């Protein structure tokens, strides 16, 4: 069983930065690819970024490329999402997920956190 807890969300002005963290419990975490998704009000949950279990491979949504960086520290059982140059359209609840591959599809992820709110003001 894997449990995921996100933190680091908050209110930031456009152009600012936030670093999200996701701490996992469960000894299988180190072998699982991890991802970040987000869901804005009235919209579908969408892929943001993913990272392989060893950290060597990453994938990003077009909207995240060049601004967001996903990383992980398996010793601390934590995955991070560094978000720079934030825009109002990045406002959403951000979810951490653990799954079976570096995938952009929600259904490929088996475990989800409760989410952390990110609000970017203009």
C-alpha atoms as a PDB file:
ATOM      1  CA  UNK A   1       0.000   0.000   0.000  1.00  0.00           C
ATOM      2  CA  UNK A   2       1.251   3.497  -0.859  1.00  0.00           C
ATOM      3  CA  UNK A   3       0.006   6.677   0.739  1.00  0.00           C
ATOM      4  CA  UNK A   4       0.882  10.069  -0.698  1.00  0.00           C
ATOM      5  CA  UNK A   5       0.751  13.450   1.052  1.00  0.00           C
ATOM      6  CA  UNK A   6       1.335  16.687  -0.864  1.00  0.00           C
ATOM      7  CA  UNK A   7       2.414  20.032   0.544  1.00  0.00           C
ATOM      8  CA  UNK A   8       3.839  23.343  -0.620  1.00  0.00           C
ATOM      9  CA  UNK A   9       0.841  24.882  -2.302  1.00  0.00           C
ATOM     10  CA  UNK A  10      -0.251  28.426  -1.655  1.00  0.00           C
ATOM     11  CA  UNK A  11      -0.956  31.851  -3.097  1.00  0.00           C
ATOM     12  CA  UNK A  12       1.690  33.453  -5.296  1.00  0.00           C
ATOM     13  CA  UNK A  13       1.809  36.348  -7.733  1.00  0.00           C
ATOM     14  CA  UNK A  14       2.261  35.775 -11.436  1.00  0.00           C
ATOM     15  CA  UNK A  15       5.927  35.254 -12.226  1.00  0.00           C
ATOM     16  CA  UNK A  16       6.623  33.746  -8.836  1.00  0.00           C
ATOM     17  CA  UNK A  17       7.694  30.250  -7.828  1.00  0.00           C
ATOM     18  CA  UNK A  18       6.481  27.405  -5.662  1.00  0.00           C
ATOM     19  CA  UNK A  19       7.946  24.033  -4.788  1.00  0.00           C
ATOM     20  CA  UNK A  20       5.514  21.211  -4.202  1.00  0.00           C
ATOM     21  CA  UNK A  21       6.496  18.132  -2.234  1.00  0.00           C
ATOM     22  CA  UNK A  22       4.920  14.704  -2.057  1.00  0.00           C
ATOM     23  CA  UNK A  23       5.955  12.348   0.719  1.00  0.00           C
ATOM     24  CA  UNK A  24       5.144   8.689   0.234  1.00  0.00           C
ATOM     25  CA  UNK A  25       4.734   5.903   2.725  1.00  0.00           C
ATOM     26  CA  UNK A  26       5.121   2.299   1.725  1.00  0.00           C
ATOM     27  CA  UNK A  27       8.257   0.393   0.828  1.00  0.00           C
ATOM     28  CA  UNK A  28       7.302   0.013  -2.841  1.00  0.00           C
ATOM     29  CA  UNK A  29       7.618   3.748  -3.472  1.00  0.00           C
ATOM     30  CA  UNK A  30      11.224   3.470  -4.598  1.00  0.00           C
ATOM     31  CA  UNK A  31      10.227   1.248  -7.514  1.00  0.00           C
ATOM     32  CA  UNK A  32       7.281   3.302  -8.734  1.00  0.00           C
ATOM     33  CA  UNK A  33       7.223   6.037 -11.357  1.00  0.00           C
ATOM     34  CA  UNK A  34       5.588   9.171  -9.984  1.00  0.00           C
ATOM     35  CA  UNK A  35       3.559  11.925 -11.545  1.00  0.00           C
ATOM     36  CA  UNK A  36       1.946  15.280 -10.892  1.00  0.00           C
ATOM     37  CA  UNK A  37      -1.492  16.175 -12.196  1.00  0.00           C
ATOM     38  CA  UNK A  38      -3.646  19.227 -11.693  1.00  0.00           C
ATOM     39  CA  UNK A  39      -7.319  20.071 -11.801  1.00  0.00           C
ATOM     40  CA  UNK A  40      -8.750  23.532 -12.206  1.00  0.00           C
ATOM     41  CA  UNK A  41     -12.389  24.297 -11.308  1.00  0.00           C
ATOM     42  CA  UNK A  42     -14.745  22.951 -13.941  1.00  0.00           C
ATOM     43  CA  UNK A  43     -11.970  21.200 -15.853  1.00  0.00           C
ATOM     44  CA  UNK A  44     -10.668  17.671 -16.212  1.00  0.00           C
ATOM     45  CA  UNK A  45      -7.661  16.525 -14.215  1.00  0.00           C
ATOM     46  CA  UNK A  46      -4.661  16.921 -16.488  1.00  0.00           C
ATOM     47  CA  UNK A  47      -1.118  15.629 -16.616  1.00  0.00           C
ATOM     48  CA  UNK A  48       1.698  17.953 -15.576  1.00  0.00           C
ATOM     49  CA  UNK A  49       4.890  15.903 -15.198  1.00  0.00           C
ATOM     50  CA  UNK A  50       6.178  12.403 -14.471  1.00  0.00           C
ATOM     51  CA  UNK A  51       9.455  10.802 -13.428  1.00  0.00           C
ATOM     52  CA  UNK A  52      10.800   7.261 -13.592  1.00  0.00           C
ATOM     53  CA  UNK A  53      11.506   5.315 -10.434  1.00  0.00           C
ATOM     54  CA  UNK A  54      15.233   5.988 -10.696  1.00  0.00           C
ATOM     55  CA  UNK A  55      14.794   9.606 -11.740  1.00  0.00           C
ATOM     56  CA  UNK A  56      16.641   9.287 -15.039  1.00  0.00           C
ATOM     57  CA  UNK A  57      13.585   9.791 -17.250  1.00  0.00           C
ATOM     58  CA  UNK A  58      11.055  12.597 -17.080  1.00  0.00           C
ATOM     59  CA  UNK A  59       8.049  13.751 -19.076  1.00  0.00           C
ATOM     60  CA  UNK A  60       6.263  17.091 -19.116  1.00  0.00           C
ATOM     61  CA  UNK A  61       3.065  18.555 -20.443  1.00  0.00           C
ATOM     62  CA  UNK A  62       3.628  21.255 -23.034  1.00  0.00           C
ATOM     63  CA  UNK A  63       2.312  23.830 -20.583  1.00  0.00           C
ATOM     64  CA  UNK A  64       4.981  22.819 -18.045  1.00  0.00           C
ATOM     65  CA  UNK A  65       8.033  22.539 -20.270  1.00  0.00           C
ATOM     66  CA  UNK A  66      10.711  25.084 -19.484  1.00  0.00           C
ATOM     67  CA  UNK A  67       8.979  26.267 -16.309  1.00  0.00           C
ATOM     68  CA  UNK A  68       8.420  23.200 -14.119  1.00  0.00           C
ATOM     69  CA  UNK A  69      10.934  20.593 -12.972  1.00  0.00           C
ATOM     70  CA  UNK A  70      10.059  17.223 -11.446  1.00  0.00           C
ATOM     71  CA  UNK A  71      12.591  15.433  -9.270  1.00  0.00           C
ATOM     72  CA  UNK A  72      12.681  12.779  -6.574  1.00  0.00           C
ATOM     73  CA  UNK A  73      14.696  11.752  -3.568  1.00  0.00           C
ATOM     74  CA  UNK A  74      14.152   8.063  -2.959  1.00  0.00           C
ATOM     75  CA  UNK A  75      16.170   8.174   0.258  1.00  0.00           C
ATOM     76  CA  UNK A  76      13.606  10.632   1.635  1.00  0.00           C
ATOM     77  CA  UNK A  77      10.718   8.976  -0.238  1.00  0.00           C
ATOM     78  CA  UNK A  78       9.759  12.355  -1.672  1.00  0.00           C
ATOM     79  CA  UNK A  79       8.967  13.700  -5.126  1.00  0.00           C
ATOM     80  CA  UNK A  80       9.117  17.405  -5.907  1.00  0.00           C
ATOM     81  CA  UNK A  81       7.648  19.781  -8.456  1.00  0.00           C
ATOM     82  CA  UNK A  82       9.545  23.044  -8.791  1.00  0.00           C
ATOM     83  CA  UNK A  83       7.296  25.574 -10.519  1.00  0.00           C
ATOM     84  CA  UNK A  84       8.783  28.818 -11.836  1.00  0.00           C
ATOM     85  CA  UNK A  85       7.345  31.693 -13.867  1.00  0.00           C
ATOM     86  CA  UNK A  86       3.876  30.842 -12.638  1.00  0.00           C
ATOM     87  CA  UNK A  87       0.860  32.116 -14.548  1.00  0.00           C
ATOM     88  CA  UNK A  88      -2.767  32.618 -13.451  1.00  0.00           C
ATOM     89  CA  UNK A  89      -3.726  29.678 -15.671  1.00  0.00           C
ATOM     90  CA  UNK A  90      -1.579  27.422 -13.461  1.00  0.00           C
ATOM     91  CA  UNK A  91      -4.141  27.871 -10.693  1.00  0.00           C
ATOM     92  CA  UNK A  92      -5.445  24.425  -9.744  1.00  0.00           C
ATOM     93  CA  UNK A  93      -5.354  21.675  -7.176  1.00  0.00           C
ATOM     94  CA  UNK A  94      -2.154  19.729  -7.748  1.00  0.00           C
ATOM     95  CA  UNK A  95      -2.135  15.982  -7.134  1.00  0.00           C
ATOM     96  CA  UNK A  96       0.744  13.581  -6.675  1.00  0.00           C
ATOM     97  CA  UNK A  97       0.306  10.078  -8.078  1.00  0.00           C
ATOM     98  CA  UNK A  98       2.182   6.780  -8.174  1.00  0.00           C
ATOM     99  CA  UNK A  99       1.817   4.411 -11.074  1.00  0.00           C
ATOM    100  CA  UNK A 100       3.084   1.730 -13.366  1.00  0.00           C
ATOM    101  CA  UNK A 101       4.985   3.809 -15.900  1.00  0.00           C
ATOM    102  CA  UNK A 102       5.896   7.305 -16.998  1.00  0.00           C
ATOM    103  CA  UNK A 103       2.442   7.994 -18.311  1.00  0.00           C
ATOM    104  CA  UNK A 104       0.351  11.034 -19.129  1.00  0.00           C
ATOM    105  CA  UNK A 105      -2.865   9.092 -18.497  1.00  0.00           C
ATOM    106  CA  UNK A 106      -4.691   9.287 -15.180  1.00  0.00           C
ATOM    107  CA  UNK A 107      -5.830   5.667 -15.379  1.00  0.00           C
ATOM    108  CA  UNK A 108      -2.230   4.437 -15.355  1.00  0.00           C
ATOM    109  CA  UNK A 109      -1.733   5.720 -11.816  1.00  0.00           C
ATOM    110  CA  UNK A 110      -2.864   3.548  -8.936  1.00  0.00           C
ATOM    111  CA  UNK A 111      -2.349   5.834  -5.938  1.00  0.00           C
ATOM    112  CA  UNK A 112      -3.244   9.479  -5.419  1.00  0.00           C
ATOM    113  CA  UNK A 113      -2.678  12.113  -2.789  1.00  0.00           C
ATOM    114  CA  UNK A 114      -5.347  14.442  -1.469  1.00  0.00           C
ATOM    115  CA  UNK A 115      -4.064  17.437  -3.436  1.00  0.00           C
ATOM    116  CA  UNK A 116      -2.636  20.853  -2.614  1.00  0.00           C
ATOM    117  CA  UNK A 117      -4.095  24.147  -3.828  1.00  0.00           C
ATOM    118  CA  UNK A 118      -1.982  26.460  -5.971  1.00  0.00           C
ATOM    119  CA  UNK A 119      -3.388  29.915  -6.676  1.00  0.00           C
ATOM    120  CA  UNK A 120      -1.585  32.375  -8.940  1.00  0.00           C
ATOM    121  CA  UNK A 121      -2.806  35.948  -8.866  1.00  0.00           C
ATOM    122  CA  UNK A 122      -2.404  38.337 -11.789  1.00  0.00           C
END
